[in-house]
Amino acid sequence: MMSPTLPGSIPSESAPSIDAVTFRSVMAELPAAVSIVTTLAADGSLHGATVSAVTSLSLDPAMLLVCLDLGSDTLAALDVGRHFLVHIAADGQQGHVHRFARKGTEKFEGDHWAPGMFGQPQIDGSSITFACVADELVSAGDHAIVLGRIVDTEHEPDLTPIIYRRRQLIAAPAA
């Protein structure tokens, strides 16, 4: 479902845009939490993707915003009402982050995951795991914005999340 245009907004086709190379270069400077989104499709197949575009959206109800490439198999497996998990990757999970950044079905080979909250594929050792229900999917450019209502969460406060900056995965600095 497409969102309505807000009053005073400029339709994207009439607004200027920077080129993709410049955009990637400047966005590489922006530190971003690294997450892995997983879901169990209606046909029982497992899907997952590494994402850096995850943020809190709403407190009441508690919601996350997750951005997935329109060509993503994980996005194709999501429908409104379907559960999915957002794993905030912890230091030591860099291998998982790289594994889920690739296309293919080998992402779930091995013992790094198990059926978890709501039967969804849950990755072991994540610093935070959010269980969500997809409330809305919004197309935006070459991505879709998944609005996820948080229905459960697990937190491992002793684990350090990792961030992505300058095309490198690093442990988030302590406060």
Protein backbone atom coordinates (compact mmCIF):
# COMPACT_ATOMS: atom_id res chain seq x y z
CA MET A 1 0.00 0.00 0.00
CA MET A 2 1.39 3.41 -0.96
CA SER A 3 1.32 6.24 1.55
CA PRO A 4 -0.45 9.47 0.59
CA THR A 5 1.62 12.50 -0.37
CA LEU A 6 1.90 14.84 2.59
CA PRO A 7 0.91 18.52 2.16
CA GLY A 8 3.90 20.60 1.04
CA SER A 9 5.92 17.60 -0.13
CA ILE A 10 7.66 17.58 -3.50
CA PRO A 11 7.02 14.58 -5.73
CA SER A 12 10.30 12.69 -6.08
CA GLU A 13 10.34 12.86 -9.89
CA SER A 14 10.55 16.68 -9.77
CA ALA A 15 13.17 16.95 -7.02
CA PRO A 16 16.87 16.79 -7.93
CA SER A 17 18.91 13.82 -6.71
CA ILE A 18 22.62 13.13 -6.31
CA ASP A 19 24.23 10.30 -8.23
CA ALA A 20 24.58 6.78 -6.77
CA VAL A 21 28.40 6.92 -6.44
CA THR A 22 28.28 10.14 -4.41
CA PHE A 23 25.42 8.83 -2.29
CA ARG A 24 27.25 5.58 -1.46
CA SER A 25 30.43 7.51 -0.65
CA VAL A 26 28.82 9.94 1.80
CA MET A 27 26.60 7.26 3.37
CA ALA A 28 29.72 5.19 4.11
CA GLU A 29 30.64 7.91 6.61
CA LEU A 30 27.38 7.52 8.52
CA PRO A 31 27.74 4.92 11.29
CA ALA A 32 24.84 2.47 11.20
CA ALA A 33 23.80 -0.41 13.41
CA VAL A 34 24.04 -3.74 11.60
CA SER A 35 20.98 -5.96 11.66
CA ILE A 36 19.93 -9.26 10.18
CA VAL A 37 16.25 -9.64 9.29
CA THR A 38 14.87 -13.18 9.14
CA THR A 39 11.48 -14.64 8.33
CA LEU A 40 9.73 -17.89 7.59
CA ALA A 41 7.80 -17.58 4.32
CA ALA A 42 4.27 -18.89 3.85
CA ASP A 43 5.71 -21.92 2.03
CA GLY A 44 8.01 -22.72 4.99
CA SER A 45 11.22 -21.50 3.33
CA LEU A 46 13.73 -19.52 5.40
CA HIS A 47 14.80 -16.04 4.34
CA GLY A 48 17.22 -13.51 5.77
CA ALA A 49 19.15 -10.37 4.84
CA THR A 50 21.73 -8.08 6.38
CA VAL A 51 20.45 -4.51 6.63
CA SER A 52 21.75 -1.23 7.98
CA ALA A 53 18.52 0.75 7.56
CA VAL A 54 16.62 -0.08 10.75
CA THR A 55 15.32 2.51 13.18
CA SER A 56 12.70 3.02 15.85
CA LEU A 57 9.50 4.44 14.42
CA SER A 58 6.90 4.67 17.17
CA LEU A 59 6.63 4.24 20.92
CA ASP A 60 2.87 3.61 21.04
CA PRO A 61 2.54 1.15 19.51
CA ALA A 62 6.19 0.11 19.59
CA MET A 63 7.34 -0.08 15.97
CA LEU A 64 10.49 -0.43 13.86
CA LEU A 65 11.13 0.72 10.33
CA VAL A 66 13.21 -1.68 8.18
CA CYS A 67 14.32 -0.97 4.61
CA LEU A 68 14.82 -3.87 2.17
CA ASP A 69 15.90 -3.82 -1.48
CA LEU A 70 12.98 -4.42 -3.84
CA GLY A 71 14.90 -7.41 -5.27
CA SER A 72 15.37 -9.00 -1.86
CA ASP A 73 14.15 -12.57 -1.39
CA THR A 74 13.48 -11.65 2.23
CA LEU A 75 11.16 -8.84 1.16
CA ALA A 76 9.40 -11.22 -1.25
CA ALA A 77 8.74 -13.56 1.71
CA LEU A 78 7.13 -10.80 3.81
CA ASP A 79 3.46 -9.92 3.67
CA VAL A 80 1.35 -7.72 5.89
CA GLY A 81 0.59 -9.75 9.01
CA ARG A 82 3.68 -11.99 8.70
CA HIS A 83 6.12 -12.25 11.60
CA PHE A 84 9.80 -11.45 11.18
CA LEU A 85 12.80 -11.00 13.47
CA VAL A 86 15.30 -8.15 13.53
CA HIS A 87 18.62 -9.20 15.08
CA ILE A 88 20.98 -6.44 16.15
CA ALA A 89 24.32 -8.06 15.37
CA ALA A 90 26.86 -8.39 18.19
CA ASP A 91 30.63 -8.28 18.04
CA GLY A 92 31.69 -11.76 16.97
CA GLN A 93 28.82 -12.11 14.48
CA GLN A 94 30.68 -10.52 11.57
CA GLY A 95 30.65 -13.86 9.74
CA HIS A 96 26.85 -14.03 10.02
CA VAL A 97 26.58 -10.45 8.76
CA HIS A 98 28.61 -11.33 5.64
CA ARG A 99 26.70 -14.59 5.13
CA PHE A 100 23.29 -12.88 5.19
CA ALA A 101 24.51 -10.05 2.92
CA ARG A 102 24.76 -12.55 0.03
CA LYS A 103 22.03 -14.01 -2.13
CA GLY A 104 21.34 -17.72 -1.92
CA THR A 105 19.94 -20.44 0.29
CA GLU A 106 23.12 -21.37 2.19
CA LYS A 107 22.53 -18.62 4.78
CA PHE A 108 20.85 -21.05 7.15
CA GLU A 109 23.33 -23.92 6.79
CA GLY A 110 24.97 -24.71 10.12
CA ASP A 111 23.98 -24.43 13.74
CA HIS A 112 24.03 -20.63 14.18
CA TRP A 113 20.24 -20.40 14.33
CA ALA A 114 17.18 -22.22 15.66
CA PRO A 115 13.43 -21.76 15.47
CA GLY A 116 12.80 -18.92 17.88
CA MET A 117 10.11 -16.40 18.69
CA PHE A 118 6.91 -17.20 16.79
CA GLY A 119 8.75 -20.03 14.98
CA GLN A 120 10.91 -17.56 13.07
CA PRO A 121 14.58 -18.34 12.37
CA GLN A 122 16.45 -16.81 15.32
CA ILE A 123 20.20 -16.23 15.10
CA ASP A 124 22.16 -17.18 18.22
CA GLY A 125 24.28 -14.53 19.93
CA SER A 126 22.57 -11.33 18.78
CA SER A 127 22.74 -8.38 21.17
CA ILE A 128 19.03 -7.61 20.70
CA THR A 129 16.30 -9.49 18.86
CA PHE A 130 12.98 -7.86 18.02
CA ALA A 131 10.02 -10.03 17.05
CA CYS A 132 7.78 -8.02 14.75
CA VAL A 133 4.63 -8.28 12.69
CA ALA A 134 4.65 -6.49 9.33
CA ASP A 135 1.92 -3.84 9.55
CA GLU A 136 2.62 -2.13 6.23
CA LEU A 137 4.98 -2.31 3.24
CA VAL A 138 5.69 0.99 1.48
CA SER A 139 7.56 1.28 -1.82
CA ALA A 140 10.22 4.03 -1.85
CA GLY A 141 12.74 4.31 -4.68
CA ASP A 142 14.58 1.00 -5.11
CA HIS A 143 13.62 -0.18 -1.61
CA ALA A 144 10.56 -1.03 0.43
CA ILE A 145 9.98 0.26 3.91
CA VAL A 146 8.63 -2.43 6.21
CA LEU A 147 6.70 -1.02 9.18
CA GLY A 148 7.01 -3.63 11.89
CA ARG A 149 5.00 -3.67 15.12
CA ILE A 150 7.21 -5.07 17.91
CA VAL A 151 5.48 -7.93 19.72
CA ASP A 152 8.41 -9.29 21.75
CA THR A 153 12.10 -8.67 22.35
CA GLU A 154 15.18 -10.32 23.82
CA HIS A 155 18.21 -8.34 25.01
CA GLU A 156 21.71 -9.50 25.90
CA PRO A 157 23.19 -6.40 27.65
CA ASP A 158 26.66 -7.97 27.97
CA LEU A 159 27.04 -8.23 24.19
CA THR A 160 28.41 -5.30 22.19
CA PRO A 161 26.54 -4.40 18.99
CA ILE A 162 28.53 -3.83 15.81
CA ILE A 163 28.25 -0.87 13.47
CA TYR A 164 29.09 -0.34 9.82
CA ARG A 165 31.21 2.69 8.92
CA ARG A 166 33.61 3.34 6.07
CA ARG A 167 32.67 -0.07 4.68
CA GLN A 168 33.95 -1.81 7.82
CA LEU A 169 32.23 -3.70 10.64
CA ILE A 170 33.42 -2.51 14.05
CA ALA A 171 32.32 -2.94 17.65
CA ALA A 172 30.19 -0.02 18.83
CA PRO A 173 32.19 2.18 21.20
CA ALA A 174 31.21 1.97 24.87
CA ALA A 175 29.41 4.98 26.29
